[in-house]
Protein backbone atom coordinates (compact mmCIF):
# COMPACT_ATOMS: atom_id res chain seq x y z
CA UNK A 1 -1.31 -0.09 3.98
CA UNK A 2 -4.81 -1.40 3.76
CA UNK A 3 -5.60 -0.42 0.18
CA UNK A 4 -3.16 -0.19 -2.72
CA UNK A 5 -4.50 0.44 -6.20
CA UNK A 6 -1.80 0.68 -8.85
CA UNK A 7 -1.23 0.78 -12.59
CA UNK A 8 1.96 -0.81 -13.88
CA UNK A 9 3.91 -0.83 -17.13
CA UNK A 10 1.00 0.20 -19.34
CA UNK A 11 1.10 3.99 -19.64
CA UNK A 12 2.92 6.30 -22.07
CA UNK A 13 4.37 8.55 -19.33
CA UNK A 14 4.65 6.47 -16.17
CA UNK A 15 6.09 3.06 -15.35
CA UNK A 16 4.13 2.93 -12.07
CA UNK A 17 1.14 4.85 -10.72
CA UNK A 18 -0.02 4.17 -7.15
CA UNK A 19 -2.89 5.44 -4.99
CA UNK A 20 -2.85 3.92 -1.51
CA UNK A 21 -4.41 4.31 1.95
CA UNK A 22 -2.89 3.34 5.26
CA UNK A 23 -5.49 2.39 7.88
CA UNK A 24 -4.45 2.21 11.52
CA UNK A 25 -5.58 3.02 15.06
CA UNK A 26 -5.49 6.78 15.58
CA UNK A 27 -3.47 6.50 18.77
CA UNK A 28 -0.55 4.62 17.19
CA UNK A 29 2.48 6.98 17.02
CA UNK A 30 3.46 7.69 13.42
CA UNK A 31 5.86 10.01 11.60
CA UNK A 32 4.87 11.60 8.31
CA UNK A 33 6.84 10.90 5.13
CA UNK A 34 10.38 12.22 5.05
CA UNK A 35 13.92 11.11 4.27
CA UNK A 36 15.06 9.06 7.22
CA UNK A 37 18.00 10.43 9.17
CA UNK A 38 19.33 6.90 9.82
CA UNK A 39 18.68 5.76 6.22
CA UNK A 40 18.96 8.91 4.08
CA UNK A 41 18.20 7.02 0.88
CA UNK A 42 14.72 6.04 2.10
CA UNK A 43 11.67 8.27 1.68
CA UNK A 44 8.74 6.97 3.73
CA UNK A 45 6.45 7.51 6.66
CA UNK A 46 7.40 5.65 9.81
CA UNK A 47 5.67 3.60 12.47
CA UNK A 48 7.19 4.92 15.70
CA UNK A 49 6.30 1.79 17.65
CA UNK A 50 8.51 -0.64 15.72
CA UNK A 51 10.33 1.89 13.47
CA UNK A 52 9.32 0.18 10.23
CA UNK A 53 7.15 1.47 7.42
CA UNK A 54 4.21 0.50 5.25
CA UNK A 55 5.10 2.30 1.99
CA UNK A 56 8.32 3.80 0.73
CA UNK A 57 10.71 4.54 -2.11
CA UNK A 58 14.41 5.21 -2.46
CA UNK A 59 16.41 7.73 -4.44
CA UNK A 60 17.47 4.89 -6.74
CA UNK A 61 13.90 3.91 -7.61
CA UNK A 62 13.24 0.99 -5.27
CA UNK A 63 9.64 0.71 -4.11
CA UNK A 64 7.88 -1.41 -1.50
CA UNK A 65 4.49 -1.51 0.21
CA UNK A 66 2.86 -3.96 2.60
CA UNK A 67 -0.68 -4.77 3.75
CA UNK A 68 -1.85 -7.04 6.51
CA UNK A 69 -3.81 -10.18 5.64
CA UNK A 70 -7.08 -10.05 7.57
CA UNK A 71 -7.64 -13.12 9.72
CA UNK A 72 -9.07 -12.40 13.19
CA UNK A 73 -8.25 -15.95 14.30
CA UNK A 74 -4.54 -15.65 13.57
CA UNK A 75 -2.24 -15.41 16.59
CA UNK A 76 0.40 -12.73 16.06
CA UNK A 77 2.17 -13.03 19.42
CA UNK A 78 5.96 -13.46 19.02
CA UNK A 79 5.78 -12.59 15.32
CA UNK A 80 8.15 -10.10 13.72
CA UNK A 81 6.83 -6.71 12.68
CA UNK A 82 5.71 -6.63 9.05
CA UNK A 83 6.94 -3.07 8.59
CA UNK A 84 10.51 -4.38 8.68
CA UNK A 85 9.92 -6.21 5.41
CA UNK A 86 9.47 -2.92 3.56
CA UNK A 87 12.44 -1.35 5.32
CA UNK A 88 14.70 -4.33 4.60
CA UNK A 89 13.94 -4.19 0.89
CA UNK A 90 14.38 -0.43 0.61
CA UNK A 91 17.65 -0.52 2.53
CA UNK A 92 19.05 -3.42 0.49
CA UNK A 93 20.34 -3.85 -3.02
CA UNK A 94 19.25 -7.32 -4.11
CA UNK A 95 16.70 -7.69 -6.90
CA UNK A 96 13.00 -7.84 -5.99
CA UNK A 97 12.76 -11.53 -6.92
CA UNK A 98 15.83 -12.55 -4.95
CA UNK A 99 14.58 -10.57 -1.95
CA UNK A 100 11.24 -12.40 -2.04
CA UNK A 101 12.89 -15.78 -2.45
CA UNK A 102 14.81 -15.15 0.75
CA UNK A 103 11.69 -13.77 2.47
CA UNK A 104 9.75 -16.90 1.49
CA UNK A 105 12.16 -19.01 3.54
CA UNK A 106 11.13 -17.12 6.69
CA UNK A 107 7.55 -16.28 5.79
CA UNK A 108 6.16 -17.84 8.96
CA UNK A 109 8.12 -15.40 11.11
CA UNK A 110 5.36 -12.87 10.37
CA UNK A 111 1.61 -12.68 10.76
CA UNK A 112 -0.27 -12.67 7.46
CA UNK A 113 0.98 -10.12 4.95
CA UNK A 114 1.05 -9.04 1.31
CA UNK A 115 4.14 -7.34 -0.06
CA UNK A 116 4.89 -5.48 -3.28
CA UNK A 117 8.55 -4.85 -4.10
CA UNK A 118 10.00 -3.32 -7.23
CA UNK A 119 12.81 -1.43 -8.89
CA UNK A 120 13.22 0.36 -12.21
CA UNK A 121 13.05 -2.94 -14.08
CA UNK A 122 10.43 -5.12 -12.37
CA UNK A 123 7.65 -5.43 -9.81
CA UNK A 124 6.84 -8.54 -7.77
CA UNK A 125 4.14 -9.61 -5.31
CA UNK A 126 4.21 -12.16 -2.51
CA UNK A 127 1.91 -13.23 0.32
CA UNK A 128 2.83 -15.65 3.06
CA UNK A 129 -0.75 -16.91 2.81
CA UNK A 130 -0.22 -18.02 -0.77
CA UNK A 131 3.52 -18.75 -0.78
CA UNK A 132 3.90 -18.08 -4.50
CA UNK A 133 6.08 -15.29 -5.83
CA UNK A 134 4.37 -13.52 -8.72
CA UNK A 135 5.80 -11.06 -11.20
CA UNK A 136 3.19 -8.34 -11.58
CA UNK A 137 1.71 -8.16 -15.07
CA UNK A 138 1.10 -4.95 -16.97
CA UNK A 139 -2.19 -3.23 -16.19
CA UNK A 140 -4.23 -2.07 -13.20
CA UNK A 141 -4.25 -4.01 -9.93
CA UNK A 142 -5.75 -3.76 -6.45
CA UNK A 143 -4.63 -5.04 -3.07
CA UNK A 144 -6.27 -4.80 0.32
CA UNK A 145 -6.24 -7.27 3.21
CA UNK A 146 -6.65 -10.40 1.12
CA UNK A 147 -4.68 -11.59 -1.92
CA UNK A 148 -3.75 -9.49 -4.96
CA UNK A 149 -6.82 -8.58 -7.05
CA UNK A 150 -9.27 -10.31 -4.71
CA UNK A 151 -12.67 -8.94 -5.74
CA UNK A 152 -13.55 -7.04 -2.57
CA UNK A 153 -15.83 -4.10 -3.48
CA UNK A 154 -13.29 -1.48 -2.34
CA UNK A 155 -10.57 -3.10 -4.43
CA UNK A 156 -12.74 -3.41 -7.53
CA UNK A 157 -14.05 0.15 -7.21
CA UNK A 158 -10.63 1.69 -6.71
CA UNK A 159 -9.05 -0.42 -9.43
CA UNK A 160 -11.76 0.43 -11.95
CA UNK A 161 -11.68 4.17 -11.26
CA UNK A 162 -7.90 4.23 -11.41
CA UNK A 163 -7.78 2.37 -14.70
CA UNK A 164 -10.43 4.59 -16.29
CA UNK A 165 -8.53 7.71 -15.27
CA UNK A 166 -4.97 6.70 -16.18
CA UNK A 167 -5.96 5.21 -19.53
CA UNK A 168 -7.62 8.48 -20.52
CA UNK A 169 -4.84 10.86 -19.45
CA UNK A 170 -1.19 11.11 -20.49
CA UNK A 171 -0.37 13.35 -17.52
CA UNK A 172 -1.62 12.20 -14.13
CA UNK A 173 -2.84 14.65 -11.47
CA UNK A 174 -2.15 13.37 -7.96
CA UNK A 175 -5.20 15.27 -6.70
CA UNK A 176 -7.35 12.98 -8.83
CA UNK A 177 -5.59 9.93 -7.41
CA UNK A 178 -6.44 11.14 -3.92
CA UNK A 179 -10.05 11.73 -4.96
CA UNK A 180 -10.30 8.12 -6.13
CA UNK A 181 -9.29 6.70 -2.76
CA UNK A 182 -11.21 9.22 -0.61
CA UNK A 183 -14.61 7.56 -1.07
CA UNK A 184 -16.29 6.92 2.32
CA UNK A 185 -19.40 5.17 1.00
CA UNK A 186 -20.28 1.99 2.90
CA UNK A 187 -20.82 -1.10 0.75
CA UNK A 188 -24.27 -2.71 0.79
CA UNK A 189 -24.51 -5.89 2.86
CA UNK A 190 -24.97 -8.39 -0.01
CA UNK A 191 -21.64 -7.31 -1.49
CA UNK A 192 -19.59 -7.44 1.71
CA UNK A 193 -16.85 -10.04 2.09
CA UNK A 194 -16.99 -12.41 5.05
CA UNK A 195 -13.62 -12.23 6.75
CA UNK A 196 -14.72 -13.33 10.19
CA UNK A 197 -14.95 -9.93 11.89
CA UNK A 198 -18.75 -9.73 12.02
CA UNK A 199 -21.23 -7.88 9.83
CA UNK A 200 -21.07 -4.51 11.58
CA UNK A 201 -17.28 -4.30 11.35
CA UNK A 202 -17.31 -5.55 7.75
CA UNK A 203 -19.54 -2.57 6.95
CA UNK A 204 -17.25 -0.09 8.69
CA UNK A 205 -14.16 -1.48 6.95
CA UNK A 206 -15.75 -1.57 3.49
CA UNK A 207 -15.14 2.00 2.22
CA UNK A 208 -11.98 2.94 0.37
CA UNK A 209 -11.43 5.65 3.00
CA UNK A 210 -12.25 4.41 6.49
CA UNK A 211 -13.45 6.76 9.21
CA UNK A 212 -14.33 5.10 12.53
CA UNK A 213 -14.23 6.49 16.09
CA UNK A 214 -10.78 5.09 16.96
CA UNK A 215 -9.53 3.56 13.70
CA UNK A 216 -9.37 4.62 10.09
CA UNK A 217 -7.32 6.02 7.25
CA UNK A 218 -4.31 7.77 8.74
CA UNK A 219 -2.56 8.65 5.49
CA UNK A 220 -2.95 8.47 1.73
CA UNK A 221 -0.07 8.28 -0.72
CA UNK A 222 0.13 8.99 -4.44
CA UNK A 223 3.21 7.80 -6.30
CA UNK A 224 4.23 8.45 -9.90
CA UNK A 225 7.32 6.77 -11.35
CA UNK A 226 8.11 8.03 -14.84
CA UNK A 227 9.70 6.12 -17.66
CA UNK A 228 12.51 8.66 -17.27
CA UNK A 229 12.92 7.32 -13.67
CA UNK A 230 11.60 10.54 -12.13
CA UNK A 231 9.57 10.04 -8.96
CA UNK A 232 6.72 12.10 -7.53
CA UNK A 233 5.73 11.13 -3.99
CA UNK A 234 2.82 12.90 -2.28
CA UNK A 235 1.48 12.02 1.17
CA UNK A 236 -1.66 13.37 2.82
CA UNK A 237 -2.12 12.75 6.52
CA UNK A 238 -5.34 12.76 8.52
CA UNK A 239 -6.24 13.19 12.18
CA UNK A 240 -9.40 11.37 13.24
CA UNK A 241 -10.40 11.15 9.60
CA UNK A 242 -9.90 14.84 8.83
CA UNK A 243 -7.22 16.27 6.53
CA UNK A 244 -4.18 17.52 8.44
CA UNK A 245 -1.22 17.96 6.10
CA UNK A 246 0.25 17.28 2.66
CA UNK A 247 3.88 16.66 1.76
CA UNK A 248 5.31 16.52 -1.77
CA UNK A 249 8.66 15.13 -2.83
CA UNK A 250 10.28 15.00 -6.28
CA UNK A 251 13.20 12.74 -7.06
């Protein structure tokens, strides 16, 4: 994922509400969300290059999502694929905190990443660029390609819109969640972060929904986890920035 806005443990109906975009090169082979034949408990899309995933849930209520940490100077040769982190958590049975404690011991095996892992009882965040395991507090949060709640314009915008919507509505419409993260407006130059990729690319990467000639938002996911442990998982996929398909799952 490259943008994850989520509301946690502060809503009368839902324990967790997520609206997230996955940005990737259009040519990278990818499978849409489904229950995996080799791991039937996992519901997720799949990267067909390394066979990992960026966002997924299980039938027992485990949840995980990963974003890259943007650093154009970082060398990623001989690093493990970050998609395996999500898969390993979803396929396992240890608590989120214990999983991250073990991951922290091998954090340098991967290029920069942020990971969210949770179950029906808790939600934790970790980045190998910060090396501190954090239990996520109640409220609305945003994560892109820096640390949790870093004030990038796209993070702030998505977080604010999500909070305003979920705090005003007892029943959440996933169509509205998708609307929140579909904004393609480019951020004005004075507000852009400086991540070392150059001004032109910073502009192109600044919208919540990215649409470039060869790279952009490949899929969007809305997730609702109820206090009754029900799960609604909806994925929209895009081809060259245009809507292609929607899949809905109820657990």
